[in-house]
């Protein structure tokens, strides 16, 4: 596959919002004010004010992945017009007959985006990339393998100063 081609799109409906170890975002919708013609847009609402929240997507890396690394673009907006948000992402490879998922406790190694300023106009969507180089940075994930993609809003980070919800619309995963 050529560099820059889309491999996966992760939508709010496909996220796992169940966790025994962490807080998780709430499924939410946002929409315009056009009455019957307004869209109702599904988002994940990640809280601000120090409450780190995580969610997971369960995926298979497409077989046409050529080993160039991954760029994961977060499409998000805010319920505020002030402050910064810190997004993090991690990849957990689930290799063929490699571990017992009933008993393992995986330590996720997060890559993060620099603190990103909330759009100046409420409801505007911002695009923020997080990159993974091929190999250990993406848990040695290979084409055709099962993996867990974990996302966290690190509102406990000193760089995350936006105190209200950050709305995650989707994530695009492209080959770098």
Protein backbone atom coordinates (compact mmCIF):
# COMPACT_ATOMS: atom_id res chain seq x y z
CA UNK A 1 0.00 0.00 0.00
CA UNK A 2 1.24 3.47 -0.76
CA UNK A 3 2.23 5.88 1.95
CA UNK A 4 -0.68 8.10 2.99
CA UNK A 5 -3.45 5.65 2.08
CA UNK A 6 -6.19 5.09 4.64
CA UNK A 7 -6.12 1.71 6.37
CA UNK A 8 -8.89 2.08 8.99
CA UNK A 9 -11.52 4.56 10.19
CA UNK A 10 -12.48 4.25 13.87
CA UNK A 11 -15.97 5.56 14.71
CA UNK A 12 -17.57 6.21 18.12
CA UNK A 13 -20.12 3.41 17.60
CA UNK A 14 -17.32 0.82 17.42
CA UNK A 15 -15.48 1.94 20.57
CA UNK A 16 -15.51 -0.22 23.67
CA UNK A 17 -16.66 1.96 26.55
CA UNK A 18 -16.30 -0.74 29.18
CA UNK A 19 -13.33 -0.74 31.50
CA UNK A 20 -12.55 -2.16 34.90
CA UNK A 21 -9.30 -0.23 35.31
CA UNK A 22 -10.06 3.30 34.10
CA UNK A 23 -12.68 5.92 33.43
CA UNK A 24 -14.17 5.95 29.97
CA UNK A 25 -15.76 8.62 27.77
CA UNK A 26 -19.49 8.84 27.33
CA UNK A 27 -21.25 8.27 24.03
CA UNK A 28 -22.82 11.58 23.07
CA UNK A 29 -24.32 13.35 20.06
CA UNK A 30 -23.93 16.90 18.86
CA UNK A 31 -26.00 18.59 16.19
CA UNK A 32 -26.84 21.78 14.43
CA UNK A 33 -29.75 24.14 14.92
CA UNK A 34 -31.48 23.63 11.54
CA UNK A 35 -34.53 21.87 12.89
CA UNK A 36 -35.48 18.76 10.93
CA UNK A 37 -32.53 18.96 8.52
CA UNK A 38 -29.82 19.13 11.22
CA UNK A 39 -27.36 16.27 11.47
CA UNK A 40 -27.02 14.32 14.69
CA UNK A 41 -23.32 13.58 14.95
CA UNK A 42 -22.10 10.74 17.19
CA UNK A 43 -19.04 11.58 19.31
CA UNK A 44 -17.23 10.32 22.38
CA UNK A 45 -17.25 12.96 25.14
CA UNK A 46 -13.94 12.91 27.04
CA UNK A 47 -14.16 14.86 30.30
CA UNK A 48 -11.73 17.60 31.25
CA UNK A 49 -10.62 18.73 34.70
CA UNK A 50 -8.20 15.94 35.57
CA UNK A 51 -10.32 12.85 34.85
CA UNK A 52 -8.21 10.75 32.43
CA UNK A 53 -10.54 8.66 30.27
CA UNK A 54 -9.74 5.78 27.90
CA UNK A 55 -11.53 3.64 25.34
CA UNK A 56 -10.52 0.83 23.00
CA UNK A 57 -11.14 -0.29 19.44
CA UNK A 58 -10.56 -3.93 18.43
CA UNK A 59 -9.07 -4.10 14.94
CA UNK A 60 -7.12 -6.11 12.39
CA UNK A 61 -4.31 -4.33 10.56
CA UNK A 62 -5.21 -4.68 6.87
CA UNK A 63 -3.14 -7.18 4.93
CA UNK A 64 -2.11 -4.52 2.42
CA UNK A 65 -0.11 -2.68 5.12
CA UNK A 66 3.46 -2.44 3.76
CA UNK A 67 5.35 -1.67 6.98
CA UNK A 68 5.67 2.09 6.72
CA UNK A 69 4.43 3.04 10.19
CA UNK A 70 1.07 4.58 11.06
CA UNK A 71 -0.31 8.11 11.29
CA UNK A 72 -3.48 8.29 13.38
CA UNK A 73 -5.44 11.51 12.83
CA UNK A 74 -7.89 12.48 15.56
CA UNK A 75 -10.91 14.48 14.35
CA UNK A 76 -12.27 16.30 17.40
CA UNK A 77 -14.07 19.39 18.62
CA UNK A 78 -14.82 20.96 21.98
CA UNK A 79 -17.68 22.28 24.04
CA UNK A 80 -15.40 25.22 24.91
CA UNK A 81 -13.37 27.86 23.05
CA UNK A 82 -10.49 28.09 25.50
CA UNK A 83 -7.61 25.87 26.58
CA UNK A 84 -5.59 22.93 25.28
CA UNK A 85 -6.28 19.18 24.99
CA UNK A 86 -3.74 16.33 25.17
CA UNK A 87 -4.60 13.15 23.22
CA UNK A 88 -2.68 9.88 23.60
CA UNK A 89 -2.86 6.59 21.71
CA UNK A 90 -1.34 3.14 22.14
CA UNK A 91 -1.29 -0.11 20.20
CA UNK A 92 -1.42 -3.57 21.76
CA UNK A 93 -0.60 -6.44 19.41
CA UNK A 94 -2.52 -9.66 20.03
CA UNK A 95 -0.36 -12.14 18.14
CA UNK A 96 -1.42 -15.64 17.11
CA UNK A 97 -1.33 -17.94 20.16
CA UNK A 98 1.06 -15.52 21.87
CA UNK A 99 -0.63 -14.77 25.17
CA UNK A 100 -3.56 -15.67 27.38
CA UNK A 101 -5.91 -12.67 27.33
CA UNK A 102 -7.70 -14.06 30.41
CA UNK A 103 -4.62 -13.57 32.59
CA UNK A 104 -2.38 -10.89 31.08
CA UNK A 105 -2.28 -7.27 32.20
CA UNK A 106 -0.78 -5.26 29.37
CA UNK A 107 1.14 -2.05 30.08
CA UNK A 108 0.26 0.35 27.26
CA UNK A 109 3.05 2.55 25.88
CA UNK A 110 1.33 5.75 24.76
CA UNK A 111 2.37 8.11 21.98
CA UNK A 112 0.97 11.56 22.45
CA UNK A 113 0.11 14.64 20.52
CA UNK A 114 1.49 17.91 21.81
CA UNK A 115 -1.07 19.97 23.70
CA UNK A 116 -3.48 21.13 21.00
CA UNK A 117 -5.33 24.42 21.29
CA UNK A 118 -9.11 24.20 21.26
CA UNK A 119 -10.58 25.75 18.07
CA UNK A 120 -11.48 29.41 18.58
CA UNK A 121 -15.06 28.75 17.44
CA UNK A 122 -17.12 26.21 19.37
CA UNK A 123 -18.08 23.25 17.18
CA UNK A 124 -15.21 23.62 14.72
CA UNK A 125 -13.37 20.34 14.10
CA UNK A 126 -9.60 20.10 14.58
CA UNK A 127 -7.35 17.42 13.03
CA UNK A 128 -4.50 16.17 15.25
CA UNK A 129 -1.99 13.48 14.17
CA UNK A 130 -0.24 10.93 16.37
CA UNK A 131 2.42 8.84 14.63
CA UNK A 132 3.82 5.37 15.23
CA UNK A 133 6.98 4.11 13.57
CA UNK A 134 6.96 0.52 12.33
CA UNK A 135 8.31 -1.98 14.87
CA UNK A 136 8.45 -1.67 18.66
CA UNK A 137 6.69 1.73 18.65
CA UNK A 138 3.53 -0.08 17.47
CA UNK A 139 4.15 -3.25 19.55
CA UNK A 140 5.65 -5.03 16.48
CA UNK A 141 2.20 -5.23 14.89
CA UNK A 142 2.22 -6.78 11.41
CA UNK A 143 -0.25 -6.91 8.53
CA UNK A 144 -3.18 -9.25 9.17
CA UNK A 145 -2.79 -9.23 12.95
CA UNK A 146 -5.37 -8.46 15.62
CA UNK A 147 -4.70 -5.42 17.81
CA UNK A 148 -6.26 -3.14 20.39
CA UNK A 149 -6.07 0.59 19.72
CA UNK A 150 -6.38 2.51 23.00
CA UNK A 151 -7.09 6.25 23.20
CA UNK A 152 -6.78 8.47 26.24
CA UNK A 153 -7.49 12.11 26.87
CA UNK A 154 -4.77 12.95 29.35
CA UNK A 155 -6.60 15.72 31.18
CA UNK A 156 -4.33 15.14 34.19
CA UNK A 157 -1.39 16.34 32.07
CA UNK A 158 -0.32 19.91 32.87
CA UNK A 159 -0.67 20.72 29.15
CA UNK A 160 -4.39 19.80 29.12
CA UNK A 161 -6.08 22.99 30.30
CA UNK A 162 -9.53 22.72 28.67
CA UNK A 163 -11.92 22.02 31.56
CA UNK A 164 -14.97 20.82 29.60
CA UNK A 165 -15.68 17.95 27.21
CA UNK A 166 -13.53 17.22 24.18
CA UNK A 167 -15.60 15.45 21.51
CA UNK A 168 -13.84 12.75 19.50
CA UNK A 169 -15.62 12.35 16.13
CA UNK A 170 -13.41 9.66 14.58
CA UNK A 171 -9.84 8.52 14.02
CA UNK A 172 -8.31 7.83 10.62
CA UNK A 173 -5.37 5.41 10.55
CA UNK A 174 -3.13 5.83 7.48
CA UNK A 175 0.11 4.20 6.44
CA UNK A 176 2.92 6.72 6.95
